[in-house]
Amino acid sequence: MKLFASLTLCCTGILILYFVTMPRVHAHGDMKQIYKGNTANFEISVKSIPHKPMVGQAHFSIEPKNASTGEPVTQALITLIVRLEDEAFQSRAVNSPSSPTVYDANLTFYEEGPWEAEVKIETIPGQENSVYFIVDVSGESVVSGTGAGYFFIFVFGVLVLGVGTLTFRYRNKGTRSA
């Protein structure tokens, strides 16, 4: 009985140490700052994942601060607009109750090249401030668009062939007529 109590206490201690020392994962992870600049009223920091944007999806976090006080802005309409030649895309950046000072936007880049990015911020209706910078998008995609299709076809084929093989091998031999 004493051995069981000691073993239980030891395992409990190990579990407590494991959970206390476990690294914390944060929603905004390992983001890299790609731009920091000022407008007349705001200081704006833009971070992205992946660190070097590439063809495919990209996540941007925008942190605006009041230029005169340095206080984070928690009530704003922020839009991220990207342009390349004749193409333009925009995404509304939104904050959440758990991260009221960070505004998140997602975009999908379809072409490589130097995209012009604009961050529009509006805290008072009708009064917009914008900053412009270049986002250099590389042609290397994180995920191939056809790779997922090939994987689906492979899994579907394995399932169909597996079911067919098992059906023919183990079906009731009494149903066959000679």
Foldseek 3Di string as FASTA:
>chain_A
DVVVVVVVVVVVVVVVVCVVPDDDADPVHDWDWPDWDDWPFKTKIKTKPPRQAAAFKIKIKIFIATPVPRHTDQAKWKKKWKDDVPDIDIWTFDDDPVGSRITMTMDGHHDFAWIKMKIWIDRDPPDIIIDIDTRGYHHDDPDDPCVVVVVVVVVVVCVVVVVVVCCVVDPDPVVDDD
